[in-house]
Amino acid sequence: MLALTCHGDKANPALVMIHGFLGSGADWTPLLPELTRYFYCICIDLPGHGNSPALSLDTPGFYRVAAEIHQSISALHINMYHLLGYSLGGRISLHIARQNSEQILSLHMESSHPGLTTASDKEVRLRNDKMWNSRLTSLNLNEFLNAWYQQGVFSELSVVARQALVEKRSKNSAQALQSIYLATSLAVQEDLSQLPNQISAPCHYYVGKDDSKFLALALNWQDQSSLTVHQFDRAGHNIHLAAANKFCQQLILQLTETPQ
């Protein structure tokens, strides 16, 4: 079983929350005081993160991780739930929704990729991810984290915010992170861009306007499917960190408009 924490009143609709790579379920803590007014929040630790064990995953490992999450939710006797995932957590949420569409009340993705479509793009991504995986092996974790958060997708972070993330993420185990990293690489993910057209649950996407790459991706995805995009000023890749209050308000608005 994966580690998780539950917050709020069990009588309320369930909201399952899945963090991104390097994070933990505790990343959602700033949102919980407001969210638990309306929802029973279940914050999952992905395999190899937080208090969850590392798993021996085949590649790709998305459906195995999705099944582990679904099993952990089912053990709480929760049959229907809203699903929120950030970055890697959003990509895994797509797989959960595909496997268990009849149990998903609504799907919410923050800064997540639906999947690459060309062999050349996948090849480039795999080379990049293998490079980062090698760094996980060769660098100490603080060195790896300092390099990781210098990537362009995190360019909106201030020096202070970047250092705070490095310190927070330094509690991870490099070996545990390696157990999931390549197995859930975007390079080995199938294209799930049509999933919003294939399930009955409403699908929402949250993107920061300062994250130009994912803003373009989101708007293109919206044009191709029944996906609703929500944009945020003065926010980059991690909206729930940069604009927690606005993100929370918009999320609650969409969740409460979904039939329970």
Protein backbone atom coordinates (compact mmCIF):
# COMPACT_ATOMS: atom_id res chain seq x y z
CA MET A 1 0.00 0.00 0.00
CA LEU A 2 1.13 3.54 -0.71
CA ALA A 3 1.38 6.11 2.06
CA LEU A 4 -1.40 8.65 2.22
CA THR A 5 -3.02 11.14 4.56
CA CYS A 6 -6.72 11.95 4.80
CA HIS A 7 -8.15 15.34 5.71
CA GLY A 8 -11.66 16.62 6.34
CA ASP A 9 -15.08 15.05 6.73
CA LYS A 10 -15.62 11.61 5.18
CA ALA A 11 -19.21 12.63 4.43
CA ASN A 12 -17.94 15.11 1.83
CA PRO A 13 -17.06 14.14 -1.76
CA ALA A 14 -13.57 12.65 -2.02
CA LEU A 15 -10.72 14.49 -3.74
CA VAL A 16 -7.59 12.43 -4.46
CA MET A 17 -4.47 14.60 -4.83
CA ILE A 18 -1.26 13.40 -6.52
CA HIS A 19 1.98 15.40 -6.37
CA GLY A 20 4.76 15.69 -8.95
CA PHE A 21 8.24 14.21 -9.23
CA LEU A 22 10.37 14.91 -6.12
CA GLY A 23 7.33 15.94 -4.08
CA SER A 24 5.03 14.29 -1.56
CA GLY A 25 1.43 14.45 -0.45
CA ALA A 26 2.45 17.16 2.00
CA ASP A 27 2.90 19.55 -0.95
CA TRP A 28 -0.86 20.12 -0.91
CA THR A 29 -0.92 21.22 2.76
CA PRO A 30 -1.41 24.97 2.08
CA LEU A 31 -4.61 24.20 0.14
CA LEU A 32 -6.18 21.89 2.70
CA PRO A 33 -7.77 24.43 5.09
CA GLU A 34 -9.96 25.70 2.26
CA LEU A 35 -10.45 22.45 0.35
CA THR A 36 -11.56 20.50 3.41
CA ARG A 37 -14.51 22.85 3.83
CA TYR A 38 -16.05 21.07 0.86
CA PHE A 39 -14.08 17.86 0.24
CA TYR A 40 -12.56 14.83 1.92
CA CYS A 41 -8.96 15.17 0.71
CA ILE A 42 -6.68 12.16 0.22
CA CYS A 43 -3.05 13.12 -0.39
CA ILE A 44 -1.04 10.26 -1.90
CA ASP A 45 2.73 9.75 -1.76
CA LEU A 46 3.88 8.35 -5.10
CA PRO A 47 6.10 5.24 -5.03
CA GLY A 48 9.64 6.16 -4.00
CA HIS A 49 8.45 9.49 -2.58
CA GLY A 50 7.52 10.65 0.90
CA ASN A 51 6.63 7.67 3.07
CA SER A 52 5.73 5.33 0.22
CA PRO A 53 7.97 2.37 -0.59
CA ALA A 54 9.91 2.19 -3.82
CA LEU A 55 8.48 -0.32 -6.28
CA SER A 56 10.21 -2.51 -8.83
CA LEU A 57 8.55 -1.16 -11.96
CA ASP A 58 8.60 -2.38 -15.52
CA THR A 59 8.99 0.30 -18.19
CA PRO A 60 6.57 1.85 -18.80
CA GLY A 61 5.24 1.69 -15.25
CA PHE A 62 2.28 4.06 -15.44
CA TYR A 63 -0.49 1.51 -15.14
CA ARG A 64 1.24 -0.29 -12.25
CA VAL A 65 1.51 3.01 -10.35
CA ALA A 66 -2.09 3.86 -11.27
CA ALA A 67 -3.24 0.47 -9.97
CA GLU A 68 -1.34 0.94 -6.70
CA ILE A 69 -2.99 4.32 -6.18
CA HIS A 70 -6.43 2.96 -7.00
CA GLN A 71 -5.91 0.05 -4.60
CA SER A 72 -4.90 2.47 -1.83
CA ILE A 73 -8.05 4.53 -2.44
CA SER A 74 -10.27 1.44 -2.54
CA ALA A 75 -8.87 0.34 0.83
CA LEU A 76 -10.48 3.51 2.25
CA HIS A 77 -13.85 2.26 0.91
CA ILE A 78 -14.08 5.20 -1.49
CA ASN A 79 -15.85 4.29 -4.72
CA MET A 80 -16.25 7.67 -6.44
CA TYR A 81 -13.77 10.51 -6.32
CA HIS A 82 -12.46 13.66 -7.95
CA LEU A 83 -8.84 13.40 -9.12
CA LEU A 84 -6.17 16.12 -9.13
CA GLY A 85 -2.59 15.65 -10.31
CA TYR A 86 0.35 17.99 -10.72
CA SER A 87 2.98 17.41 -13.45
CA LEU A 88 3.96 13.71 -13.16
CA GLY A 89 0.94 13.29 -10.88
CA GLY A 90 -1.27 14.61 -13.65
CA ARG A 91 0.21 12.19 -16.17
CA ILE A 92 -0.42 9.31 -13.78
CA SER A 93 -3.95 10.66 -13.19
CA LEU A 94 -4.64 10.25 -16.90
CA HIS A 95 -3.84 6.56 -16.55
CA ILE A 96 -5.97 6.20 -13.41
CA ALA A 97 -8.90 7.80 -15.22
CA ARG A 98 -8.42 5.51 -18.20
CA GLN A 99 -8.42 2.39 -16.02
CA ASN A 100 -11.22 3.48 -13.68
CA SER A 101 -13.28 5.99 -15.66
CA GLU A 102 -16.57 4.92 -14.07
CA GLN A 103 -15.28 5.96 -10.63
CA ILE A 104 -13.92 9.39 -11.60
CA LEU A 105 -16.22 12.31 -10.83
CA SER A 106 -13.89 14.82 -12.51
CA LEU A 107 -10.28 14.97 -13.64
CA HIS A 108 -8.03 17.96 -12.89
CA MET A 109 -4.47 18.30 -14.24
CA GLU A 110 -1.96 21.00 -13.39
CA SER A 111 0.95 21.52 -15.81
CA SER A 112 0.80 17.96 -17.16
CA HIS A 113 1.67 16.51 -20.56
CA PRO A 114 -0.81 14.20 -22.36
CA GLY A 115 1.98 12.35 -24.19
CA LEU A 116 4.43 12.86 -27.06
CA THR A 117 3.23 11.93 -30.54
CA THR A 118 6.38 11.45 -32.64
CA ALA A 119 9.22 8.95 -32.41
CA SER A 120 11.78 11.74 -32.74
CA ASP A 121 10.33 13.71 -29.81
CA LYS A 122 10.30 10.55 -27.70
CA GLU A 123 13.90 9.81 -28.61
CA VAL A 124 15.03 13.31 -27.60
CA ARG A 125 13.11 13.09 -24.35
CA LEU A 126 14.53 9.67 -23.51
CA ARG A 127 18.09 10.92 -24.01
CA ASN A 128 17.35 13.85 -21.71
CA ASP A 129 15.75 11.67 -19.04
CA LYS A 130 18.62 9.17 -19.17
CA MET A 131 21.00 12.07 -18.58
CA TRP A 132 19.05 13.17 -15.49
CA ASN A 133 18.85 9.56 -14.29
CA SER A 134 22.63 9.33 -14.59
CA ARG A 135 22.95 12.51 -12.54
CA LEU A 136 20.81 10.93 -9.85
CA THR A 137 23.46 8.21 -9.65
CA SER A 138 26.60 10.34 -9.90
CA LEU A 139 25.71 13.49 -7.91
CA ASN A 140 24.76 13.84 -4.29
CA LEU A 141 21.10 14.73 -3.93
CA ASN A 142 21.65 18.41 -3.14
CA GLU A 143 23.79 18.81 -6.27
CA PHE A 144 21.14 17.03 -8.33
CA LEU A 145 18.34 19.21 -6.95
CA ASN A 146 20.25 22.44 -7.54
CA ALA A 147 20.77 21.40 -11.16
CA TRP A 148 17.17 20.16 -11.57
CA TYR A 149 15.61 23.44 -10.50
CA GLN A 150 17.78 25.39 -12.95
CA GLN A 151 15.75 23.96 -15.84
CA GLY A 152 13.79 26.45 -17.94
CA VAL A 153 10.42 25.15 -16.76
CA PHE A 154 11.31 26.46 -13.28
CA SER A 155 12.66 29.82 -14.46
CA GLU A 156 9.97 31.77 -12.59
CA LEU A 157 11.38 30.64 -9.22
CA SER A 158 13.27 33.24 -7.23
CA VAL A 159 16.62 32.30 -5.71
CA VAL A 160 14.95 32.03 -2.29
CA ALA A 161 12.06 29.89 -3.60
CA ARG A 162 14.47 27.63 -5.49
CA GLN A 163 16.63 27.10 -2.42
CA ALA A 164 13.56 26.38 -0.31
CA LEU A 165 12.53 23.64 -2.74
CA VAL A 166 16.03 22.16 -2.76
CA GLU A 167 16.01 22.01 1.03
CA LYS A 168 12.51 20.52 1.12
CA ARG A 169 13.28 17.86 -1.54
CA SER A 170 16.61 16.87 0.02
CA LYS A 171 14.76 14.44 2.30
CA ASN A 172 14.22 12.15 -0.71
CA SER A 173 16.30 9.07 -1.48
CA ALA A 174 18.10 9.17 -4.83
CA GLN A 175 17.80 5.40 -5.17
CA ALA A 176 14.05 5.50 -4.51
CA LEU A 177 13.61 8.30 -7.05
CA GLN A 178 15.47 6.26 -9.66
CA SER A 179 13.01 3.40 -9.16
CA ILE A 180 10.20 5.48 -10.71
CA TYR A 181 11.93 8.10 -12.86
CA LEU A 182 12.63 6.30 -16.14
CA ALA A 183 9.62 3.99 -15.70
CA THR A 184 7.35 7.05 -15.84
CA SER A 185 9.35 9.06 -18.36
CA LEU A 186 7.33 11.08 -20.84
CA ALA A 187 9.37 9.26 -23.49
CA VAL A 188 7.61 5.97 -22.73
CA GLN A 189 4.13 7.41 -22.11
CA GLU A 190 1.45 6.76 -24.70
CA ASP A 191 -0.46 9.69 -26.15
CA LEU A 192 -3.58 10.16 -24.00
CA SER A 193 -4.68 13.48 -25.47
CA GLN A 194 -8.03 12.03 -26.53
CA LEU A 195 -8.91 10.71 -23.07
CA PRO A 196 -11.14 13.73 -22.26
CA ASN A 197 -13.29 12.71 -25.26
CA GLN A 198 -13.43 9.09 -24.11
CA ILE A 199 -14.64 9.44 -20.52
CA SER A 200 -17.80 11.02 -19.18
CA ALA A 201 -16.09 12.92 -16.33
CA PRO A 202 -15.36 16.63 -16.89
CA CYS A 203 -11.65 17.28 -17.51
CA HIS A 204 -9.91 20.50 -16.45
CA TYR A 205 -6.38 21.80 -17.00
CA TYR A 206 -4.62 24.47 -14.92
CA VAL A 207 -1.65 26.35 -16.37
CA GLY A 208 0.44 29.38 -15.43
CA LYS A 209 0.71 32.11 -18.05
CA ASP A 210 4.45 32.37 -17.34
CA ASP A 211 4.90 28.72 -18.37
CA SER A 212 4.91 29.36 -22.13
CA LYS A 213 5.62 25.75 -23.11
CA PHE A 214 2.73 24.27 -21.16
CA LEU A 215 0.39 27.17 -21.94
CA ALA A 216 0.78 26.46 -25.67
CA LEU A 217 0.37 22.73 -25.02
CA ALA A 218 -2.79 23.30 -22.96
CA LEU A 219 -4.46 25.54 -25.50
CA ASN A 220 -3.66 23.12 -28.32
CA TRP A 221 -5.02 20.22 -26.26
CA GLN A 222 -8.19 22.19 -25.54
CA ASP A 223 -8.71 22.70 -29.28
CA GLN A 224 -8.52 18.94 -29.83
CA SER A 225 -10.68 17.65 -26.98
CA SER A 226 -13.36 18.35 -24.39
CA LEU A 227 -10.81 19.83 -22.00
CA THR A 228 -11.33 23.14 -20.19
CA VAL A 229 -8.19 25.22 -19.62
CA HIS A 230 -7.82 27.66 -16.72
CA GLN A 231 -4.96 30.20 -16.93
CA PHE A 232 -3.25 31.98 -14.04
CA ASP A 233 -1.40 35.30 -14.07
CA ARG A 234 2.01 35.57 -12.39
CA ALA A 235 2.42 31.80 -12.15
CA GLY A 236 4.68 29.31 -13.89
CA HIS A 237 4.82 25.52 -13.79
CA ASN A 238 3.85 25.08 -10.13
CA ILE A 239 0.68 27.14 -9.81
CA HIS A 240 -0.43 25.72 -6.46
CA LEU A 241 2.86 27.01 -5.02
CA ALA A 242 3.08 30.36 -6.80
CA ALA A 243 -0.63 31.30 -6.65
CA ALA A 244 -2.09 28.99 -4.01
CA ASN A 245 -5.19 31.06 -3.18
CA LYS A 246 -6.23 31.69 -6.79
CA PHE A 247 -5.54 28.08 -7.72
CA CYS A 248 -7.60 26.84 -4.79
CA GLN A 249 -10.53 29.15 -5.59
CA GLN A 250 -10.62 28.10 -9.24
CA LEU A 251 -10.30 24.43 -8.34
CA ILE A 252 -13.17 24.61 -5.84
CA LEU A 253 -15.33 26.44 -8.38
CA GLN A 254 -14.87 23.65 -10.92
CA LEU A 255 -15.25 20.87 -8.36
CA THR A 256 -18.46 22.23 -6.89
CA GLU A 257 -19.96 22.66 -10.36
CA THR A 258 -19.44 18.96 -11.07
CA PRO A 259 -22.47 16.76 -10.32
CA GLN A 260 -21.64 14.50 -7.37
